Amino acid sequence: MACGATRDKRDLVRVVRAPDGTLGLDPTGKRSGRGAYVCRQAACAERGVKGRLQHVLQVPVSAELAEALTVFIGDGPARGG
């Protein structure tokens, strides 16, 4: 996690790089691929998108995924999944 805090998995959002190289949110935690976890806090998600997620997932994080993450954690116009 970008903030370095320890939390339960259910309190985090999983971002996954699928075997085909695409990135996406994994609300169930069951998609196959390389995963990284982000706190459900806007500041942590922003720090994660700007650096740590790209490092862990070994691919650039798109603006679309960053927006989807923001919406999912509840800081966007609607909560999605």
Protein backbone atom coordinates (compact mmCIF):
# COMPACT_ATOMS: atom_id res chain seq x y z
CA MET A 1 0.00 0.00 0.00
CA ALA A 2 1.16 3.50 -0.70
CA CYS A 3 0.60 4.67 2.86
CA GLY A 4 2.34 1.70 4.45
CA ALA A 5 -0.52 1.05 6.89
CA THR A 6 -1.62 -2.47 7.82
CA ARG A 7 -5.31 -3.19 7.18
CA ASP A 8 -7.65 -6.13 6.62
CA LYS A 9 -8.00 -7.19 2.97
CA ARG A 10 -11.70 -6.34 3.00
CA ASP A 11 -10.78 -2.73 3.81
CA LEU A 12 -8.67 -2.46 0.65
CA VAL A 13 -9.25 -2.30 -3.09
CA ARG A 14 -7.33 -4.75 -5.28
CA VAL A 15 -5.95 -3.59 -8.60
CA VAL A 16 -4.90 -6.44 -10.88
CA ARG A 17 -2.76 -6.81 -13.97
CA ALA A 18 -4.36 -9.67 -15.90
CA PRO A 19 -2.26 -12.23 -17.78
CA ASP A 20 -3.00 -10.33 -21.02
CA GLY A 21 -1.43 -7.17 -19.50
CA THR A 22 -4.62 -5.17 -18.93
CA LEU A 23 -5.22 -3.41 -15.62
CA GLY A 24 -8.49 -3.32 -13.77
CA LEU A 25 -10.16 -3.19 -10.39
CA ASP A 26 -10.86 -6.51 -8.70
CA PRO A 27 -13.57 -5.97 -6.09
CA THR A 28 -13.93 -9.73 -5.50
CA GLY A 29 -10.20 -10.35 -5.06
CA LYS A 30 -10.49 -13.46 -7.23
CA ARG A 31 -9.28 -12.37 -10.68
CA SER A 32 -6.09 -14.03 -11.81
CA GLY A 33 -3.03 -11.93 -12.31
CA ARG A 34 -0.58 -9.80 -10.38
CA GLY A 35 -2.40 -7.76 -7.75
CA ALA A 36 -1.75 -4.75 -5.58
CA TYR A 37 -3.87 -3.32 -2.79
CA VAL A 38 -4.86 0.29 -2.17
CA CYS A 39 -6.54 1.85 0.88
CA ARG A 40 -10.06 3.19 0.46
CA GLN A 41 -8.75 6.69 1.13
CA ALA A 42 -8.35 9.28 -1.61
CA ALA A 43 -4.87 10.37 -0.49
CA CYS A 44 -3.56 6.80 -0.45
CA ALA A 45 -5.12 6.00 -3.82
CA GLU A 46 -3.58 9.12 -5.33
CA ARG A 47 -0.12 8.28 -3.98
CA GLY A 48 -0.52 4.70 -5.19
CA VAL A 49 -1.47 5.70 -8.71
CA LYS A 50 1.41 8.15 -8.97
CA GLY A 51 4.10 5.66 -8.08
CA ARG A 52 3.72 2.50 -6.08
CA LEU A 53 1.09 0.77 -8.24
CA GLN A 54 3.14 1.25 -11.38
CA HIS A 55 6.15 -0.24 -9.65
CA VAL A 56 4.33 -3.25 -8.20
CA LEU A 57 2.24 -4.03 -11.30
CA GLN A 58 5.17 -3.30 -13.64
CA VAL A 59 3.02 -1.31 -16.11
CA PRO A 60 1.88 2.34 -16.31
CA VAL A 61 -1.44 3.12 -14.63
CA SER A 62 -3.81 4.85 -17.05
CA ALA A 63 -5.84 7.93 -16.23
CA GLU A 64 -8.99 5.84 -16.81
CA LEU A 65 -7.97 3.33 -14.14
CA ALA A 66 -7.06 6.13 -11.75
CA GLU A 67 -10.54 7.62 -12.27
CA ALA A 68 -12.21 4.23 -11.82
CA LEU A 69 -10.32 3.75 -8.56
CA THR A 70 -11.38 7.18 -7.33
CA VAL A 71 -15.02 6.44 -8.19
CA PHE A 72 -14.87 3.01 -6.56
CA ILE A 73 -13.51 4.27 -3.26
CA GLY A 74 -16.32 6.79 -3.09
CA ASP A 75 -14.64 10.09 -3.87
CA GLY A 76 -16.07 10.30 -7.37
CA PRO A 77 -19.56 11.05 -8.62
CA ALA A 78 -20.82 7.52 -7.89
CA ARG A 79 -19.65 4.40 -6.12
CA GLY A 80 -18.98 1.67 -8.67
CA GLY A 81 -17.53 -1.79 -8.92
